[in-house]
């Protein structure tokens, strides 16, 4: 992959801001009784056994069918059903509309936005994610997953892109942000010493006349991404949140991004992917079985934990004597996720 055609995957800034506001609220809850520290632990994970509905905005039945087929590699190893709502008589699939007031589906797929992205797990049904005036968010009439231009032309590795985005929709983060992985120190964050900021005809930062290269911060600030430093940090830096379930770093994971060579300090590099970017790795499959087990005792334990979380947040989600409190709106939002997942 060359640096002059590399577009990063990212959610809109307003979506990220509303997610961070909610997560900061939960992290700051005081430990009362059993404590709230477990509320965020797996808030974005669906409950095992759940039928998660999928609907499409645009595209034809052939494309919808191929996307469903691509996701079977995910669902065949875990206790989650992705329900695409296919009509056996007509062959047509479930659709959604921007005018929906009720959820046609938990995962609402579109093809008309630039790039590929997905909300994380139950963020798909959090009406506080994103702004009501924008196209992407957790409300019924907003996109939760986008496969840019797939209805016009699919990329060569389209199956891998579909699986990557649907893994996000099942609450999986990017592998390069794994705190157990080497990517934090493997990346070239800063410019080579003496680098003179140089752009090509497309506005992309490139090596200067002496062959010195831009670092990640400089490169991503130019075309085609235009990212601020804070956005780079959010999407690339190691995640050390207590709310993220962390497994071993897996170079073969479908969740490990394929970066241009200039992103790495040296090559070969322990952060660079080994997989084909299309097929789930053994590590991906182990992660799916961990989050969505098929064994009845494990499923029952997770359901019990969900109810405990709901009971813990319930007092804050109810107005006191009919009066709104400062905690009520955000607590209601969290309680709605717990009920909806």
C-alpha atoms as a PDB file:
ATOM      1  CA  UNK A   1       0.000   0.000   0.000  1.00  0.00           C
ATOM      2  CA  UNK A   2       1.363   3.427  -0.947  1.00  0.00           C
ATOM      3  CA  UNK A   3       0.928   6.502   1.253  1.00  0.00           C
ATOM      4  CA  UNK A   4      -0.617   8.617  -1.501  1.00  0.00           C
ATOM      5  CA  UNK A   5      -3.838   6.594  -1.690  1.00  0.00           C
ATOM      6  CA  UNK A   6      -4.327   5.692   1.959  1.00  0.00           C
ATOM      7  CA  UNK A   7      -7.639   6.705   3.537  1.00  0.00           C
ATOM      8  CA  UNK A   8      -8.114   5.936   7.224  1.00  0.00           C
ATOM      9  CA  UNK A   9     -11.282   4.394   8.615  1.00  0.00           C
ATOM     10  CA  UNK A  10     -12.924   6.721  11.148  1.00  0.00           C
ATOM     11  CA  UNK A  11     -16.283   7.664  12.610  1.00  0.00           C
ATOM     12  CA  UNK A  12     -17.506  11.266  12.265  1.00  0.00           C
ATOM     13  CA  UNK A  13     -16.189  13.627  14.944  1.00  0.00           C
ATOM     14  CA  UNK A  14     -19.641  14.327  16.418  1.00  0.00           C
ATOM     15  CA  UNK A  15     -20.194  10.591  16.916  1.00  0.00           C
ATOM     16  CA  UNK A  16     -16.880  10.172  18.720  1.00  0.00           C
ATOM     17  CA  UNK A  17     -17.604  13.192  20.941  1.00  0.00           C
ATOM     18  CA  UNK A  18     -20.954  11.820  22.145  1.00  0.00           C
ATOM     19  CA  UNK A  19     -19.465   8.388  22.830  1.00  0.00           C
ATOM     20  CA  UNK A  20     -16.613   9.909  24.825  1.00  0.00           C
ATOM     21  CA  UNK A  21     -19.097  12.019  26.821  1.00  0.00           C
ATOM     22  CA  UNK A  22     -21.059   8.917  27.827  1.00  0.00           C
ATOM     23  CA  UNK A  23     -17.972   6.869  28.673  1.00  0.00           C
ATOM     24  CA  UNK A  24     -16.510   9.693  30.769  1.00  0.00           C
ATOM     25  CA  UNK A  25     -19.794   9.924  32.688  1.00  0.00           C
ATOM     26  CA  UNK A  26     -19.763   6.232  33.516  1.00  0.00           C
ATOM     27  CA  UNK A  27     -16.111   6.215  34.541  1.00  0.00           C
ATOM     28  CA  UNK A  28     -16.844   9.027  37.002  1.00  0.00           C
ATOM     29  CA  UNK A  29     -19.756   7.315  38.734  1.00  0.00           C
ATOM     30  CA  UNK A  30     -19.036   6.874  42.461  1.00  0.00           C
ATOM     31  CA  UNK A  31     -18.643   3.254  43.660  1.00  0.00           C
ATOM     32  CA  UNK A  32     -21.850   2.642  45.582  1.00  0.00           C
ATOM     33  CA  UNK A  33     -22.931  -0.717  46.928  1.00  0.00           C
ATOM     34  CA  UNK A  34     -21.648  -3.296  44.460  1.00  0.00           C
ATOM     35  CA  UNK A  35     -19.856  -0.503  42.610  1.00  0.00           C
ATOM     36  CA  UNK A  36     -20.325   0.748  39.085  1.00  0.00           C
ATOM     37  CA  UNK A  37     -16.923  -0.281  37.832  1.00  0.00           C
ATOM     38  CA  UNK A  38     -18.445  -3.242  36.025  1.00  0.00           C
ATOM     39  CA  UNK A  39     -21.078  -1.216  34.184  1.00  0.00           C
ATOM     40  CA  UNK A  40     -18.735  -0.210  31.373  1.00  0.00           C
ATOM     41  CA  UNK A  41     -16.779  -3.463  31.347  1.00  0.00           C
ATOM     42  CA  UNK A  42     -18.729  -4.896  28.436  1.00  0.00           C
ATOM     43  CA  UNK A  43     -21.432  -2.312  27.818  1.00  0.00           C
ATOM     44  CA  UNK A  44     -20.936  -2.408  24.051  1.00  0.00           C
ATOM     45  CA  UNK A  45     -21.219  -6.175  23.784  1.00  0.00           C
ATOM     46  CA  UNK A  46     -24.517  -7.766  22.734  1.00  0.00           C
ATOM     47  CA  UNK A  47     -25.895 -10.480  24.978  1.00  0.00           C
ATOM     48  CA  UNK A  48     -24.982 -13.987  23.707  1.00  0.00           C
ATOM     49  CA  UNK A  49     -27.822 -15.610  21.807  1.00  0.00           C
ATOM     50  CA  UNK A  50     -29.155 -12.286  20.585  1.00  0.00           C
ATOM     51  CA  UNK A  51     -30.673 -12.001  17.115  1.00  0.00           C
ATOM     52  CA  UNK A  52     -29.133  -8.749  15.893  1.00  0.00           C
ATOM     53  CA  UNK A  53     -31.125  -7.405  12.958  1.00  0.00           C
ATOM     54  CA  UNK A  54     -29.421  -5.960   9.880  1.00  0.00           C
ATOM     55  CA  UNK A  55     -31.064  -3.649   7.325  1.00  0.00           C
ATOM     56  CA  UNK A  56     -29.858  -1.914   4.164  1.00  0.00           C
ATOM     57  CA  UNK A  57     -30.186   1.564   2.699  1.00  0.00           C
ATOM     58  CA  UNK A  58     -29.451   1.239  -1.017  1.00  0.00           C
ATOM     59  CA  UNK A  59     -27.846  -1.594  -2.929  1.00  0.00           C
ATOM     60  CA  UNK A  60     -29.566  -4.519  -4.595  1.00  0.00           C
ATOM     61  CA  UNK A  61     -30.459  -8.010  -3.400  1.00  0.00           C
ATOM     62  CA  UNK A  62     -27.339  -9.550  -4.955  1.00  0.00           C
ATOM     63  CA  UNK A  63     -25.094  -7.223  -2.933  1.00  0.00           C
ATOM     64  CA  UNK A  64     -27.134  -7.805   0.219  1.00  0.00           C
ATOM     65  CA  UNK A  65     -26.859 -11.567  -0.261  1.00  0.00           C
ATOM     66  CA  UNK A  66     -23.096 -11.417  -0.711  1.00  0.00           C
ATOM     67  CA  UNK A  67     -22.710  -9.349   2.468  1.00  0.00           C
ATOM     68  CA  UNK A  68     -24.812 -11.855   4.399  1.00  0.00           C
ATOM     69  CA  UNK A  69     -22.674 -14.700   3.034  1.00  0.00           C
ATOM     70  CA  UNK A  70     -19.465 -12.904   4.041  1.00  0.00           C
ATOM     71  CA  UNK A  71     -20.635 -12.521   7.643  1.00  0.00           C
ATOM     72  CA  UNK A  72     -21.327 -16.223   8.074  1.00  0.00           C
ATOM     73  CA  UNK A  73     -17.646 -16.761   8.782  1.00  0.00           C
ATOM     74  CA  UNK A  74     -18.316 -14.693  11.929  1.00  0.00           C
ATOM     75  CA  UNK A  75     -21.615 -16.134  13.097  1.00  0.00           C
ATOM     76  CA  UNK A  76     -20.690 -19.778  12.562  1.00  0.00           C
ATOM     77  CA  UNK A  77     -18.207 -19.640  15.469  1.00  0.00           C
ATOM     78  CA  UNK A  78     -20.171 -17.642  18.062  1.00  0.00           C
ATOM     79  CA  UNK A  79     -23.548 -17.375  19.749  1.00  0.00           C
ATOM     80  CA  UNK A  80     -24.900 -14.394  17.822  1.00  0.00           C
ATOM     81  CA  UNK A  81     -27.338 -14.426  14.913  1.00  0.00           C
ATOM     82  CA  UNK A  82     -27.128 -11.689  12.308  1.00  0.00           C
ATOM     83  CA  UNK A  83     -30.689 -11.533  11.011  1.00  0.00           C
ATOM     84  CA  UNK A  84     -30.760  -9.924   7.548  1.00  0.00           C
ATOM     85  CA  UNK A  85     -34.522 -10.355   7.154  1.00  0.00           C
ATOM     86  CA  UNK A  86     -34.388 -12.103   3.789  1.00  0.00           C
ATOM     87  CA  UNK A  87     -37.799 -12.776   2.294  1.00  0.00           C
ATOM     88  CA  UNK A  88     -37.716 -16.393   1.087  1.00  0.00           C
ATOM     89  CA  UNK A  89     -40.317 -15.724  -1.609  1.00  0.00           C
ATOM     90  CA  UNK A  90     -38.924 -12.547  -3.137  1.00  0.00           C
ATOM     91  CA  UNK A  91     -35.241 -12.868  -2.183  1.00  0.00           C
ATOM     92  CA  UNK A  92     -35.305  -9.290  -0.934  1.00  0.00           C
ATOM     93  CA  UNK A  93     -33.637  -8.177   2.293  1.00  0.00           C
ATOM     94  CA  UNK A  94     -34.679  -5.943   5.160  1.00  0.00           C
ATOM     95  CA  UNK A  95     -34.316  -2.211   4.484  1.00  0.00           C
ATOM     96  CA  UNK A  96     -34.297   0.925   6.614  1.00  0.00           C
ATOM     97  CA  UNK A  97     -35.062   4.577   5.953  1.00  0.00           C
ATOM     98  CA  UNK A  98     -33.729   7.913   7.185  1.00  0.00           C
ATOM     99  CA  UNK A  99     -37.318   8.759   8.147  1.00  0.00           C
ATOM    100  CA  UNK A 100     -37.634   5.788  10.532  1.00  0.00           C
ATOM    101  CA  UNK A 101     -38.841   6.617  14.033  1.00  0.00           C
ATOM    102  CA  UNK A 102     -38.555   3.025  15.222  1.00  0.00           C
ATOM    103  CA  UNK A 103     -35.607   0.698  14.744  1.00  0.00           C
ATOM    104  CA  UNK A 104     -35.911  -1.390  11.580  1.00  0.00           C
ATOM    105  CA  UNK A 105     -32.641  -3.007  12.668  1.00  0.00           C
ATOM    106  CA  UNK A 106     -29.852  -2.707  15.188  1.00  0.00           C
ATOM    107  CA  UNK A 107     -27.222  -2.598  12.410  1.00  0.00           C
ATOM    108  CA  UNK A 108     -28.203  -0.134   9.683  1.00  0.00           C
ATOM    109  CA  UNK A 109     -25.989  -0.464   6.622  1.00  0.00           C
ATOM    110  CA  UNK A 110     -25.455   2.222   3.984  1.00  0.00           C
ATOM    111  CA  UNK A 111     -23.218   2.585   0.935  1.00  0.00           C
ATOM    112  CA  UNK A 112     -23.484   6.310   0.235  1.00  0.00           C
ATOM    113  CA  UNK A 113     -20.910   7.813   2.628  1.00  0.00           C
ATOM    114  CA  UNK A 114     -17.193   8.098   1.950  1.00  0.00           C
ATOM    115  CA  UNK A 115     -15.054   5.302   3.382  1.00  0.00           C
ATOM    116  CA  UNK A 116     -15.897   2.366   5.588  1.00  0.00           C
ATOM    117  CA  UNK A 117     -16.867   2.567   9.252  1.00  0.00           C
ATOM    118  CA  UNK A 118     -19.088   1.080  11.928  1.00  0.00           C
ATOM    119  CA  UNK A 119     -20.318   2.016  15.346  1.00  0.00           C
ATOM    120  CA  UNK A 120     -19.096  -0.309  18.080  1.00  0.00           C
ATOM    121  CA  UNK A 121     -21.595  -2.930  19.300  1.00  0.00           C
ATOM    122  CA  UNK A 122     -24.546  -1.480  21.191  1.00  0.00           C
ATOM    123  CA  UNK A 123     -23.564   2.057  20.207  1.00  0.00           C
ATOM    124  CA  UNK A 124     -25.730   1.176  17.183  1.00  0.00           C
ATOM    125  CA  UNK A 125     -28.840   1.548  19.373  1.00  0.00           C
ATOM    126  CA  UNK A 126     -27.707   4.385  21.638  1.00  0.00           C
ATOM    127  CA  UNK A 127     -29.823   7.394  20.552  1.00  0.00           C
ATOM    128  CA  UNK A 128     -27.309   9.674  22.256  1.00  0.00           C
ATOM    129  CA  UNK A 129     -24.531   8.665  19.840  1.00  0.00           C
ATOM    130  CA  UNK A 130     -24.077  11.300  17.162  1.00  0.00           C
ATOM    131  CA  UNK A 131     -26.150  14.421  16.571  1.00  0.00           C
ATOM    132  CA  UNK A 132     -29.779  14.192  15.478  1.00  0.00           C
ATOM    133  CA  UNK A 133     -29.019  16.487  12.539  1.00  0.00           C
ATOM    134  CA  UNK A 134     -26.294  14.220  11.137  1.00  0.00           C
ATOM    135  CA  UNK A 135     -26.403  11.077   8.994  1.00  0.00           C
ATOM    136  CA  UNK A 136     -24.518   8.692  11.293  1.00  0.00           C
ATOM    137  CA  UNK A 137     -25.459   7.699  14.820  1.00  0.00           C
ATOM    138  CA  UNK A 138     -27.447   5.435  17.095  1.00  0.00           C
ATOM    139  CA  UNK A 139     -30.951   6.636  16.203  1.00  0.00           C
ATOM    140  CA  UNK A 140     -33.396   4.594  14.060  1.00  0.00           C
ATOM    141  CA  UNK A 141     -32.950   6.786  10.968  1.00  0.00           C
ATOM    142  CA  UNK A 142     -29.154   7.015  11.098  1.00  0.00           C
ATOM    143  CA  UNK A 143     -26.404   4.911   9.580  1.00  0.00           C
ATOM    144  CA  UNK A 144     -24.522   2.658  11.988  1.00  0.00           C
ATOM    145  CA  UNK A 145     -22.296   0.913   9.400  1.00  0.00           C
ATOM    146  CA  UNK A 146     -21.104   2.150   6.017  1.00  0.00           C
ATOM    147  CA  UNK A 147     -19.443   0.332   3.125  1.00  0.00           C
ATOM    148  CA  UNK A 148     -18.571   3.251   0.909  1.00  0.00           C
ATOM    149  CA  UNK A 149     -19.410   2.755  -2.766  1.00  0.00           C
ATOM    150  CA  UNK A 150     -20.036  -0.995  -2.542  1.00  0.00           C
ATOM    151  CA  UNK A 151     -23.256  -0.482  -4.494  1.00  0.00           C
ATOM    152  CA  UNK A 152     -21.196   0.931  -7.384  1.00  0.00           C
ATOM    153  CA  UNK A 153     -17.938  -1.000  -7.253  1.00  0.00           C
ATOM    154  CA  UNK A 154     -16.539  -3.354  -4.637  1.00  0.00           C
ATOM    155  CA  UNK A 155     -12.826  -3.390  -3.759  1.00  0.00           C
ATOM    156  CA  UNK A 156     -10.836  -6.567  -4.366  1.00  0.00           C
ATOM    157  CA  UNK A 157     -10.805  -7.436  -0.650  1.00  0.00           C
ATOM    158  CA  UNK A 158     -14.462  -6.571  -0.090  1.00  0.00           C
ATOM    159  CA  UNK A 159     -15.196  -9.701   1.987  1.00  0.00           C
ATOM    160  CA  UNK A 160     -12.484  -8.724   4.446  1.00  0.00           C
ATOM    161  CA  UNK A 161     -13.858  -5.188   4.692  1.00  0.00           C
ATOM    162  CA  UNK A 162     -17.351  -6.533   5.384  1.00  0.00           C
ATOM    163  CA  UNK A 163     -16.045  -8.840   8.114  1.00  0.00           C
ATOM    164  CA  UNK A 164     -13.902  -6.094   9.637  1.00  0.00           C
ATOM    165  CA  UNK A 165     -16.836  -3.679   9.907  1.00  0.00           C
ATOM    166  CA  UNK A 166     -19.266  -6.290  11.212  1.00  0.00           C
ATOM    167  CA  UNK A 167     -16.696  -7.286  13.840  1.00  0.00           C
ATOM    168  CA  UNK A 168     -16.800  -3.647  14.962  1.00  0.00           C
ATOM    169  CA  UNK A 169     -20.595  -3.932  15.073  1.00  0.00           C
ATOM    170  CA  UNK A 170     -20.091  -6.879  17.450  1.00  0.00           C
ATOM    171  CA  UNK A 171     -17.904  -4.692  19.733  1.00  0.00           C
ATOM    172  CA  UNK A 172     -14.389  -5.528  18.477  1.00  0.00           C
ATOM    173  CA  UNK A 173     -11.755  -2.764  18.520  1.00  0.00           C
ATOM    174  CA  UNK A 174      -8.781  -2.356  16.186  1.00  0.00           C
ATOM    175  CA  UNK A 175      -5.907  -4.721  16.928  1.00  0.00           C
ATOM    176  CA  UNK A 176      -3.254  -2.012  16.489  1.00  0.00           C
ATOM    177  CA  UNK A 177      -4.667  -0.321  19.636  1.00  0.00           C
ATOM    178  CA  UNK A 178      -4.231  -3.449  21.748  1.00  0.00           C
ATOM    179  CA  UNK A 179      -2.265  -2.439  24.856  1.00  0.00           C
ATOM    180  CA  UNK A 180      -0.477  -5.820  24.718  1.00  0.00           C
ATOM    181  CA  UNK A 181       0.721  -5.187  21.178  1.00  0.00           C
ATOM    182  CA  UNK A 182       3.869  -3.511  19.829  1.00  0.00           C
ATOM    183  CA  UNK A 183       2.257  -0.906  17.564  1.00  0.00           C
ATOM    184  CA  UNK A 184       2.559   2.035  19.963  1.00  0.00           C
ATOM    185  CA  UNK A 185       6.361   1.933  19.751  1.00  0.00           C
ATOM    186  CA  UNK A 186       6.497   0.532  16.218  1.00  0.00           C
ATOM    187  CA  UNK A 187       4.807   3.538  14.585  1.00  0.00           C
ATOM    188  CA  UNK A 188       6.684   6.597  13.274  1.00  0.00           C
ATOM    189  CA  UNK A 189       4.650   9.288  14.997  1.00  0.00           C
ATOM    190  CA  UNK A 190       6.999  12.198  14.229  1.00  0.00           C
ATOM    191  CA  UNK A 191       8.704  13.472  11.063  1.00  0.00           C
ATOM    192  CA  UNK A 192      12.222  12.438  10.139  1.00  0.00           C
ATOM    193  CA  UNK A 193      14.739  14.945  11.516  1.00  0.00           C
ATOM    194  CA  UNK A 194      14.905  18.015   9.288  1.00  0.00           C
ATOM    195  CA  UNK A 195      11.832  17.093   7.240  1.00  0.00           C
ATOM    196  CA  UNK A 196      10.589  19.961   5.062  1.00  0.00           C
ATOM    197  CA  UNK A 197       6.821  19.832   4.733  1.00  0.00           C
ATOM    198  CA  UNK A 198       6.209  18.772   1.149  1.00  0.00           C
ATOM    199  CA  UNK A 199       2.931  17.949  -0.615  1.00  0.00           C
ATOM    200  CA  UNK A 200       2.213  16.357  -3.952  1.00  0.00           C
ATOM    201  CA  UNK A 201      -0.347  17.631  -6.465  1.00  0.00           C
ATOM    202  CA  UNK A 202      -3.153  15.989  -4.479  1.00  0.00           C
ATOM    203  CA  UNK A 203      -2.259  17.677  -1.186  1.00  0.00           C
ATOM    204  CA  UNK A 204      -0.741  14.525   0.322  1.00  0.00           C
ATOM    205  CA  UNK A 205       2.353  14.951   2.492  1.00  0.00           C
ATOM    206  CA  UNK A 206       5.267  13.094   0.878  1.00  0.00           C
ATOM    207  CA  UNK A 207       9.028  12.731   1.323  1.00  0.00           C
ATOM    208  CA  UNK A 208      10.933  15.956   0.779  1.00  0.00           C
ATOM    209  CA  UNK A 209      13.737  16.583  -1.734  1.00  0.00           C
ATOM    210  CA  UNK A 210      16.269  14.908   0.573  1.00  0.00           C
ATOM    211  CA  UNK A 211      14.144  11.785   1.020  1.00  0.00           C
ATOM    212  CA  UNK A 212      13.089  12.650   4.600  1.00  0.00           C
ATOM    213  CA  UNK A 213       9.601  11.415   5.397  1.00  0.00           C
ATOM    214  CA  UNK A 214       6.608  12.909   7.180  1.00  0.00           C
ATOM    215  CA  UNK A 215       5.540  11.188  10.398  1.00  0.00           C
ATOM    216  CA  UNK A 216       2.044   9.866  11.023  1.00  0.00           C
ATOM    217  CA  UNK A 217       0.785  13.104  12.595  1.00  0.00           C
ATOM    218  CA  UNK A 218       1.924  15.196   9.634  1.00  0.00           C
ATOM    219  CA  UNK A 219       0.840  12.685   6.986  1.00  0.00           C
ATOM    220  CA  UNK A 220      -2.687  12.270   8.371  1.00  0.00           C
ATOM    221  CA  UNK A 221      -3.121  16.047   8.714  1.00  0.00           C
ATOM    222  CA  UNK A 222      -2.961  16.355   4.920  1.00  0.00           C
ATOM    223  CA  UNK A 223      -5.170  15.017   2.133  1.00  0.00           C
ATOM    224  CA  UNK A 224      -7.127  12.814   1.908  1.00  0.00           C
ATOM    225  CA  UNK A 225      -7.715  12.523   5.690  1.00  0.00           C
ATOM    226  CA  UNK A 226      -7.242  15.990   7.204  1.00  0.00           C
ATOM    227  CA  UNK A 227      -6.993  14.749  10.786  1.00  0.00           C
ATOM    228  CA  UNK A 228      -6.163  16.778  13.875  1.00  0.00           C
ATOM    229  CA  UNK A 229      -3.637  15.308  16.321  1.00  0.00           C
ATOM    230  CA  UNK A 230      -6.427  14.396  18.749  1.00  0.00           C
ATOM    231  CA  UNK A 231      -8.150  12.343  16.052  1.00  0.00           C
ATOM    232  CA  UNK A 232      -4.918  10.514  15.268  1.00  0.00           C
ATOM    233  CA  UNK A 233      -4.513   9.702  18.957  1.00  0.00           C
ATOM    234  CA  UNK A 234      -8.095   8.440  19.239  1.00  0.00           C
ATOM    235  CA  UNK A 235      -7.806   6.140  16.231  1.00  0.00           C
ATOM    236  CA  UNK A 236      -4.198   4.956  16.427  1.00  0.00           C
ATOM    237  CA  UNK A 237      -2.801   5.256  19.927  1.00  0.00           C
ATOM    238  CA  UNK A 238      -2.911   2.324  22.340  1.00  0.00           C
ATOM    239  CA  UNK A 239      -6.189   1.987  24.269  1.00  0.00           C
ATOM    240  CA  UNK A 240      -5.743   1.496  27.988  1.00  0.00           C
ATOM    241  CA  UNK A 241      -9.382   1.920  29.000  1.00  0.00           C
ATOM    242  CA  UNK A 242     -10.679  -0.313  31.760  1.00  0.00           C
ATOM    243  CA  UNK A 243     -13.806  -0.903  29.671  1.00  0.00           C
ATOM    244  CA  UNK A 244     -11.940  -2.758  26.899  1.00  0.00           C
ATOM    245  CA  UNK A 245     -11.573  -6.525  27.082  1.00  0.00           C
ATOM    246  CA  UNK A 246      -8.043  -7.260  25.910  1.00  0.00           C
ATOM    247  CA  UNK A 247      -6.780 -10.507  24.444  1.00  0.00           C
ATOM    248  CA  UNK A 248      -3.342 -11.352  23.030  1.00  0.00           C
ATOM    249  CA  UNK A 249      -2.068  -9.253  20.145  1.00  0.00           C
ATOM    250  CA  UNK A 250      -2.757 -11.119  16.918  1.00  0.00           C
ATOM    251  CA  UNK A 251      -0.848 -10.172  13.760  1.00  0.00           C
ATOM    252  CA  UNK A 252      -3.175 -12.342  11.697  1.00  0.00           C
ATOM    253  CA  UNK A 253      -6.344 -10.640  12.978  1.00  0.00           C
ATOM    254  CA  UNK A 254      -8.777  -9.187  10.497  1.00  0.00           C
ATOM    255  CA  UNK A 255      -8.935  -6.242  12.910  1.00  0.00           C
ATOM    256  CA  UNK A 256      -5.283  -5.315  12.329  1.00  0.00           C
ATOM    257  CA  UNK A 257      -5.075  -2.405   9.913  1.00  0.00           C
ATOM    258  CA  UNK A 258      -2.831  -2.511   6.869  1.00  0.00           C
ATOM    259  CA  UNK A 259      -0.733   0.629   6.977  1.00  0.00           C
ATOM    260  CA  UNK A 260       1.699   2.072   4.413  1.00  0.00           C
ATOM    261  CA  UNK A 261       5.342   1.132   5.015  1.00  0.00           C
ATOM    262  CA  UNK A 262       6.201   4.704   6.009  1.00  0.00           C
ATOM    263  CA  UNK A 263       4.042   4.325   9.157  1.00  0.00           C
ATOM    264  CA  UNK A 264       6.567   1.910  10.697  1.00  0.00           C
ATOM    265  CA  UNK A 265       9.916   2.676  12.348  1.00  0.00           C
ATOM    266  CA  UNK A 266      11.590  -0.262  10.599  1.00  0.00           C
ATOM    267  CA  UNK A 267      10.662  -3.180   8.350  1.00  0.00           C
ATOM    268  CA  UNK A 268      10.035  -5.992   8.901  1.00  0.00           C
ATOM    269  CA  UNK A 269       7.926  -4.977  11.895  1.00  0.00           C
ATOM    270  CA  UNK A 270       6.105  -6.909  14.630  1.00  0.00           C
ATOM    271  CA  UNK A 271       3.079  -4.644  14.188  1.00  0.00           C
ATOM    272  CA  UNK A 272       2.688  -5.370  10.479  1.00  0.00           C
ATOM    273  CA  UNK A 273      -0.093  -7.858   9.656  1.00  0.00           C
ATOM    274  CA  UNK A 274       0.511 -11.469   8.719  1.00  0.00           C
ATOM    275  CA  UNK A 275      -3.028 -12.352   7.696  1.00  0.00           C
ATOM    276  CA  UNK A 276      -4.591 -11.890   4.284  1.00  0.00           C
ATOM    277  CA  UNK A 277      -7.025  -9.242   5.534  1.00  0.00           C
ATOM    278  CA  UNK A 278      -9.942 -11.303   4.247  1.00  0.00           C
ATOM    279  CA  UNK A 279     -10.243 -14.361   6.489  1.00  0.00           C
ATOM    280  CA  UNK A 280     -10.833 -14.433  10.241  1.00  0.00           C
ATOM    281  CA  UNK A 281      -7.772 -15.590  12.152  1.00  0.00           C
ATOM    282  CA  UNK A 282      -7.837 -18.295  14.829  1.00  0.00           C
ATOM    283  CA  UNK A 283      -7.419 -15.464  17.325  1.00  0.00           C
ATOM    284  CA  UNK A 284     -10.466 -13.665  15.930  1.00  0.00           C
ATOM    285  CA  UNK A 285     -12.491 -16.841  16.336  1.00  0.00           C
ATOM    286  CA  UNK A 286     -11.302 -17.322  19.931  1.00  0.00           C
ATOM    287  CA  UNK A 287     -12.303 -13.722  20.668  1.00  0.00           C
ATOM    288  CA  UNK A 288     -15.780 -14.311  19.255  1.00  0.00           C
ATOM    289  CA  UNK A 289     -16.291 -17.418  21.373  1.00  0.00           C
ATOM    290  CA  UNK A 290     -15.083 -15.508  24.453  1.00  0.00           C
ATOM    291  CA  UNK A 291     -17.514 -12.621  23.963  1.00  0.00           C
ATOM    292  CA  UNK A 292     -20.392 -14.751  22.691  1.00  0.00           C
ATOM    293  CA  UNK A 293     -20.140 -18.242  24.246  1.00  0.00           C
ATOM    294  CA  UNK A 294     -22.474 -21.062  23.281  1.00  0.00           C
ATOM    295  CA  UNK A 295     -22.367 -22.916  26.636  1.00  0.00           C
ATOM    296  CA  UNK A 296     -25.546 -22.440  28.711  1.00  0.00           C
ATOM    297  CA  UNK A 297     -23.847 -21.742  32.095  1.00  0.00           C
ATOM    298  CA  UNK A 298     -21.655 -19.028  30.560  1.00  0.00           C
ATOM    299  CA  UNK A 299     -24.614 -17.445  28.769  1.00  0.00           C
ATOM    300  CA  UNK A 300     -26.680 -17.481  31.958  1.00  0.00           C
ATOM    301  CA  UNK A 301     -23.855 -15.835  33.872  1.00  0.00           C
ATOM    302  CA  UNK A 302     -23.581 -13.016  31.337  1.00  0.00           C
ATOM    303  CA  UNK A 303     -27.355 -12.454  31.380  1.00  0.00           C
ATOM    304  CA  UNK A 304     -27.268 -12.274  35.186  1.00  0.00           C
ATOM    305  CA  UNK A 305     -24.456  -9.742  34.993  1.00  0.00           C
ATOM    306  CA  UNK A 306     -26.469  -7.636  32.564  1.00  0.00           C
ATOM    307  CA  UNK A 307     -29.401  -7.556  34.983  1.00  0.00           C
ATOM    308  CA  UNK A 308     -27.054  -6.601  37.837  1.00  0.00           C
ATOM    309  CA  UNK A 309     -25.713  -3.717  35.759  1.00  0.00           C
ATOM    310  CA  UNK A 310     -29.242  -2.561  34.976  1.00  0.00           C
ATOM    311  CA  UNK A 311     -30.228  -2.642  38.653  1.00  0.00           C
ATOM    312  CA  UNK A 312     -27.092  -0.721  39.603  1.00  0.00           C
ATOM    313  CA  UNK A 313     -27.814   2.098  37.191  1.00  0.00           C
ATOM    314  CA  UNK A 314     -31.595   2.111  37.728  1.00  0.00           C
ATOM    315  CA  UNK A 315     -31.710   4.502  40.727  1.00  0.00           C
ATOM    316  CA  UNK A 316     -29.822   7.131  38.731  1.00  0.00           C
ATOM    317  CA  UNK A 317     -32.047   6.629  35.706  1.00  0.00           C
ATOM    318  CA  UNK A 318     -35.251   7.497  37.546  1.00  0.00           C
ATOM    319  CA  UNK A 319     -36.210  11.089  38.416  1.00  0.00           C
ATOM    320  CA  UNK A 320     -36.311  11.761  42.149  1.00  0.00           C
ATOM    321  CA  UNK A 321     -39.918  12.455  43.233  1.00  0.00           C
ATOM    322  CA  UNK A 322     -40.832  13.399  39.714  1.00  0.00           C
ATOM    323  CA  UNK A 323     -38.017  15.915  39.382  1.00  0.00           C
ATOM    324  CA  UNK A 324     -35.165  15.647  36.926  1.00  0.00           C
ATOM    325  CA  UNK A 325     -31.710  15.256  38.448  1.00  0.00           C
ATOM    326  CA  UNK A 326     -28.355  15.947  36.863  1.00  0.00           C
ATOM    327  CA  UNK A 327     -27.719  12.213  36.521  1.00  0.00           C
ATOM    328  CA  UNK A 328     -31.053  11.246  34.975  1.00  0.00           C
ATOM    329  CA  UNK A 329     -30.605  11.857  31.199  1.00  0.00           C
ATOM    330  CA  UNK A 330     -27.237  10.114  30.850  1.00  0.00           C
ATOM    331  CA  UNK A 331     -28.228   7.310  33.225  1.00  0.00           C
ATOM    332  CA  UNK A 332     -31.399   6.737  31.209  1.00  0.00           C
ATOM    333  CA  UNK A 333     -29.262   6.506  28.090  1.00  0.00           C
ATOM    334  CA  UNK A 334     -27.044   3.835  29.671  1.00  0.00           C
ATOM    335  CA  UNK A 335     -30.060   1.933  31.028  1.00  0.00           C
ATOM    336  CA  UNK A 336     -31.635   1.956  27.551  1.00  0.00           C
ATOM    337  CA  UNK A 337     -28.524   0.301  26.118  1.00  0.00           C
ATOM    338  CA  UNK A 338     -28.602  -2.402  28.781  1.00  0.00           C
ATOM    339  CA  UNK A 339     -32.275  -3.119  28.060  1.00  0.00           C
ATOM    340  CA  UNK A 340     -31.862  -2.980  24.298  1.00  0.00           C
ATOM    341  CA  UNK A 341     -28.813  -5.190  23.929  1.00  0.00           C
END
